[in-house]
Amino acid sequence: MAIKKQFVKTKPVCKVTFSVDAKEANGVAVVGDFNNWDPKAGELGKLKNGTFKGTFDIDKDASYEFKYVIDGAFVNEPEADSFQFNAFAGSENSVLAL
């Protein structure tokens, strides 16, 4: 799993690319504060090598809690900027700081 950030100088957004190596998975999405935890809005496309990847424009100068949904299971990003306990989920969420 990996996150790549590309800040856009002319817009108040950051292009964030999420990559998840999940060769055996049928579907992967990224859900979080930036897309109202909607798996449809965060679907990642599967590449030929089995990696799921997607790029999203996310407002910068903020922090967002997020997780991956891999075949229905919620998974944290091990390389997240930090982790935040979420009482609603009863567990830690990954944090993306832009």
Protein backbone atom coordinates (compact mmCIF):
# COMPACT_ATOMS: atom_id res chain seq x y z
CA MET A 1 0.00 0.00 0.00
CA ALA A 2 1.17 3.47 -0.73
CA ILE A 3 0.09 7.09 -0.94
CA LYS A 4 1.53 9.66 -3.35
CA LYS A 5 0.73 13.36 -2.93
CA GLN A 6 1.05 15.93 -5.69
CA PHE A 7 0.20 19.48 -4.64
CA VAL A 8 -1.34 21.68 -7.34
CA LYS A 9 -0.01 25.25 -7.19
CA THR A 10 -2.92 26.78 -9.11
CA LYS A 11 -5.74 25.09 -7.16
CA PRO A 12 -6.52 24.51 -3.46
CA VAL A 13 -6.32 20.73 -3.93
CA CYS A 14 -3.80 17.92 -3.75
CA LYS A 15 -3.87 15.04 -6.23
CA VAL A 16 -3.61 11.97 -4.01
CA THR A 17 -2.87 8.57 -5.56
CA PHE A 18 -3.74 5.51 -3.48
CA SER A 19 -2.14 2.17 -4.44
CA VAL A 20 -3.05 -1.18 -2.87
CA ASP A 21 -1.36 -4.45 -3.79
CA ALA A 22 -4.26 -6.91 -3.54
CA LYS A 23 -3.88 -9.46 -6.34
CA GLU A 24 -6.53 -11.82 -4.93
CA ALA A 25 -9.12 -9.09 -4.23
CA ASN A 26 -12.22 -8.54 -6.34
CA GLY A 27 -12.65 -4.90 -5.34
CA VAL A 28 -10.86 -2.16 -3.42
CA ALA A 29 -12.03 1.33 -2.48
CA VAL A 30 -10.70 4.14 -0.33
CA VAL A 31 -13.26 5.71 1.99
CA GLY A 32 -12.89 8.64 4.34
CA ASP A 33 -13.88 12.11 5.43
CA PHE A 34 -13.03 13.44 1.96
CA ASN A 35 -15.71 11.33 0.19
CA ASN A 36 -18.32 10.83 2.95
CA TRP A 37 -17.12 7.24 3.49
CA ASP A 38 -18.73 6.25 0.16
CA PRO A 39 -17.11 3.15 -1.42
CA LYS A 40 -18.60 4.04 -4.85
CA ALA A 41 -16.90 7.45 -4.76
CA GLY A 42 -13.56 5.88 -3.80
CA GLU A 43 -13.36 2.86 -6.10
CA LEU A 44 -9.84 1.99 -7.21
CA GLY A 45 -9.17 0.46 -10.62
CA LYS A 46 -7.36 -2.87 -10.91
CA LEU A 47 -4.18 -2.91 -12.99
CA LYS A 48 -2.84 -5.96 -14.85
CA ASN A 49 -0.24 -6.56 -12.13
CA GLY A 50 -2.96 -6.93 -9.47
CA THR A 51 -2.48 -3.50 -7.90
CA PHE A 52 -5.54 -1.35 -7.32
CA LYS A 53 -4.92 2.34 -7.98
CA GLY A 54 -6.83 5.62 -8.09
CA THR A 55 -6.12 9.35 -8.00
CA PHE A 56 -8.43 11.85 -6.33
CA ASP A 57 -8.43 15.65 -5.98
CA ILE A 58 -8.69 16.35 -2.25
CA ASP A 59 -8.88 19.78 -0.61
CA LYS A 60 -5.56 20.67 0.97
CA ASP A 61 -4.74 22.34 4.32
CA ALA A 62 -6.73 19.72 6.24
CA SER A 63 -6.49 16.23 7.74
CA TYR A 64 -8.79 13.36 6.83
CA GLU A 65 -9.50 10.00 8.45
CA PHE A 66 -9.71 7.12 5.95
CA LYS A 67 -9.50 3.37 5.42
CA TYR A 68 -9.36 0.96 2.51
CA VAL A 69 -12.25 -1.41 1.87
CA ILE A 70 -10.82 -4.64 0.43
CA ASP A 71 -13.57 -7.12 -0.47
CA GLY A 72 -15.72 -5.65 2.31
CA ALA A 73 -13.00 -5.62 5.01
CA PHE A 74 -11.79 -2.29 6.42
CA VAL A 75 -7.97 -1.99 6.37
CA ASN A 76 -5.65 0.82 7.50
CA GLU A 77 -2.82 2.25 5.41
CA PRO A 78 0.41 1.26 7.22
CA GLU A 79 2.22 4.29 5.74
CA ALA A 80 -0.45 6.83 6.78
CA ASP A 81 0.67 10.19 8.14
CA SER A 82 -0.76 9.19 11.53
CA PHE A 83 -3.60 7.22 13.15
CA GLN A 84 -6.64 8.49 15.03
CA PHE A 85 -8.96 6.51 17.30
CA ASN A 86 -12.55 6.78 16.10
CA ALA A 87 -15.28 6.06 18.66
CA PHE A 88 -17.90 5.41 15.95
CA ALA A 89 -15.75 2.68 14.37
CA GLY A 90 -14.33 1.51 17.70
CA SER A 91 -10.86 1.35 16.16
CA GLU A 92 -8.09 3.49 14.72
CA ASN A 93 -8.38 5.07 11.30
CA SER A 94 -5.53 6.09 9.03
CA VAL A 95 -5.00 9.87 8.77
CA LEU A 96 -4.07 11.75 5.58
CA ALA A 97 -2.57 15.20 6.25
CA LEU A 98 -2.54 17.65 3.35
